Amino acid sequence: MKFFYLGLCGSENPTRAGFPFHLALGALEAGHQAEIGLAGDAVVLMKSVVAESIFPVALSPLKEMFAKVIEQKVPIYV
């Protein structure tokens, strides 16, 4: 199965900003395909300086999740 996760939150809400990445990694671990879309405030997450400063509550830091998503070749649409 293929999943598409849409992120709309940026640095103003770190936990919600991390959800698309966290959910995509979970889908991959379960053997599914995943894609991520970033729109609205979430597009700033593509800047490395912003991504490195995002620390979601109860999730891995965004820079770690971002690296795993890139490593797994998950498409990210902006």
C-alpha atoms as a PDB file:
ATOM      1  CA  MET A   1       0.000   0.000   0.000  1.00  0.00           C
ATOM      2  CA  LYS A   2       1.156   3.551  -0.678  1.00  0.00           C
ATOM      3  CA  PHE A   3       0.584   6.391   1.786  1.00  0.00           C
ATOM      4  CA  PHE A   4       0.816  10.145   1.227  1.00  0.00           C
ATOM      5  CA  TYR A   5       1.427  12.320   4.289  1.00  0.00           C
ATOM      6  CA  LEU A   6       0.758  16.049   4.005  1.00  0.00           C
ATOM      7  CA  GLY A   7       2.508  18.433   6.374  1.00  0.00           C
ATOM      8  CA  LEU A   8       1.147  21.942   6.865  1.00  0.00           C
ATOM      9  CA  CYS A   9       2.969  23.025  10.053  1.00  0.00           C
ATOM     10  CA  GLY A  10       6.451  24.452  10.276  1.00  0.00           C
ATOM     11  CA  SER A  11       8.695  25.592  13.089  1.00  0.00           C
ATOM     12  CA  GLU A  12       5.791  27.249  14.943  1.00  0.00           C
ATOM     13  CA  ASN A  13       4.537  23.774  15.951  1.00  0.00           C
ATOM     14  CA  PRO A  14       7.506  21.354  16.120  1.00  0.00           C
ATOM     15  CA  THR A  15       5.489  18.275  17.054  1.00  0.00           C
ATOM     16  CA  ARG A  16       2.984  18.645  14.222  1.00  0.00           C
ATOM     17  CA  ALA A  17       5.855  19.446  11.843  1.00  0.00           C
ATOM     18  CA  GLY A  18       7.426  16.070  12.649  1.00  0.00           C
ATOM     19  CA  PHE A  19       4.283  13.978  12.122  1.00  0.00           C
ATOM     20  CA  PRO A  20       4.569  13.423   8.333  1.00  0.00           C
ATOM     21  CA  PHE A  21       8.145  12.209   8.712  1.00  0.00           C
ATOM     22  CA  HIS A  22       7.369  10.014  11.709  1.00  0.00           C
ATOM     23  CA  LEU A  23       4.325   8.478  10.016  1.00  0.00           C
ATOM     24  CA  ALA A  24       6.188   7.893   6.748  1.00  0.00           C
ATOM     25  CA  LEU A  25       8.948   6.054   8.604  1.00  0.00           C
ATOM     26  CA  GLY A  26       6.334   3.928  10.370  1.00  0.00           C
ATOM     27  CA  ALA A  27       4.751   3.026   7.039  1.00  0.00           C
ATOM     28  CA  LEU A  28       8.140   2.023   5.656  1.00  0.00           C
ATOM     29  CA  GLU A  29       8.840  -0.175   8.679  1.00  0.00           C
ATOM     30  CA  ALA A  30       5.501  -1.906   8.096  1.00  0.00           C
ATOM     31  CA  GLY A  31       6.506  -2.685   4.510  1.00  0.00           C
ATOM     32  CA  HIS A  32       4.500   0.026   2.749  1.00  0.00           C
ATOM     33  CA  GLN A  33       5.507   2.855   0.434  1.00  0.00           C
ATOM     34  CA  ALA A  34       5.296   6.460   1.595  1.00  0.00           C
ATOM     35  CA  GLU A  35       5.435   9.948   0.128  1.00  0.00           C
ATOM     36  CA  ILE A  36       5.513  13.302   1.916  1.00  0.00           C
ATOM     37  CA  GLY A  37       4.037  16.600   0.786  1.00  0.00           C
ATOM     38  CA  LEU A  38       4.895  19.905   2.440  1.00  0.00           C
ATOM     39  CA  ALA A  39       2.657  22.926   1.938  1.00  0.00           C
ATOM     40  CA  GLY A  40       1.961  26.241   3.642  1.00  0.00           C
ATOM     41  CA  ASP A  41       4.115  26.842   6.700  1.00  0.00           C
ATOM     42  CA  ALA A  42       5.781  23.418   6.328  1.00  0.00           C
ATOM     43  CA  VAL A  43       7.839  24.384   3.279  1.00  0.00           C
ATOM     44  CA  VAL A  44      10.425  26.053   5.537  1.00  0.00           C
ATOM     45  CA  LEU A  45      11.333  22.569   6.832  1.00  0.00           C
ATOM     46  CA  MET A  46      13.294  22.045   3.618  1.00  0.00           C
ATOM     47  CA  LYS A  47      15.889  24.547   4.849  1.00  0.00           C
ATOM     48  CA  SER A  48      18.520  22.598   6.748  1.00  0.00           C
ATOM     49  CA  VAL A  49      18.952  25.332   9.386  1.00  0.00           C
ATOM     50  CA  VAL A  50      15.227  25.122  10.195  1.00  0.00           C
ATOM     51  CA  ALA A  51      15.049  21.310  10.122  1.00  0.00           C
ATOM     52  CA  GLU A  52      18.012  21.084  12.504  1.00  0.00           C
ATOM     53  CA  SER A  53      16.220  23.288  15.055  1.00  0.00           C
ATOM     54  CA  ILE A  54      12.978  21.257  15.227  1.00  0.00           C
ATOM     55  CA  PHE A  55      12.608  18.990  18.273  1.00  0.00           C
ATOM     56  CA  PRO A  56       9.116  17.437  18.364  1.00  0.00           C
ATOM     57  CA  VAL A  57       7.701  16.271  21.696  1.00  0.00           C
ATOM     58  CA  ALA A  58       7.965  12.457  22.130  1.00  0.00           C
ATOM     59  CA  LEU A  59       9.474  12.022  18.635  1.00  0.00           C
ATOM     60  CA  SER A  60      13.012  11.931  17.280  1.00  0.00           C
ATOM     61  CA  PRO A  61      14.560  15.257  16.286  1.00  0.00           C
ATOM     62  CA  LEU A  62      13.435  16.267  12.811  1.00  0.00           C
ATOM     63  CA  LYS A  63      16.975  16.210  11.421  1.00  0.00           C
ATOM     64  CA  GLU A  64      17.229  12.486  12.296  1.00  0.00           C
ATOM     65  CA  MET A  65      13.842  11.621  10.797  1.00  0.00           C
ATOM     66  CA  PHE A  66      14.633  13.729   7.730  1.00  0.00           C
ATOM     67  CA  ALA A  67      17.916  11.856   7.211  1.00  0.00           C
ATOM     68  CA  LYS A  68      16.154   8.472   7.457  1.00  0.00           C
ATOM     69  CA  VAL A  69      13.470   9.567   4.999  1.00  0.00           C
ATOM     70  CA  ILE A  70      16.142  10.698   2.527  1.00  0.00           C
ATOM     71  CA  GLU A  71      18.088   7.470   3.069  1.00  0.00           C
ATOM     72  CA  GLN A  72      14.955   5.446   2.254  1.00  0.00           C
ATOM     73  CA  LYS A  73      14.400   7.600  -0.882  1.00  0.00           C
ATOM     74  CA  VAL A  74      10.953   8.768   0.173  1.00  0.00           C
ATOM     75  CA  PRO A  75       9.744  11.437  -2.277  1.00  0.00           C
ATOM     76  CA  ILE A  76       9.129  14.847  -0.696  1.00  0.00           C
ATOM     77  CA  TYR A  77       6.934  17.246  -2.642  1.00  0.00           C
ATOM     78  CA  VAL A  78       6.934  20.971  -1.930  1.00  0.00           C
END
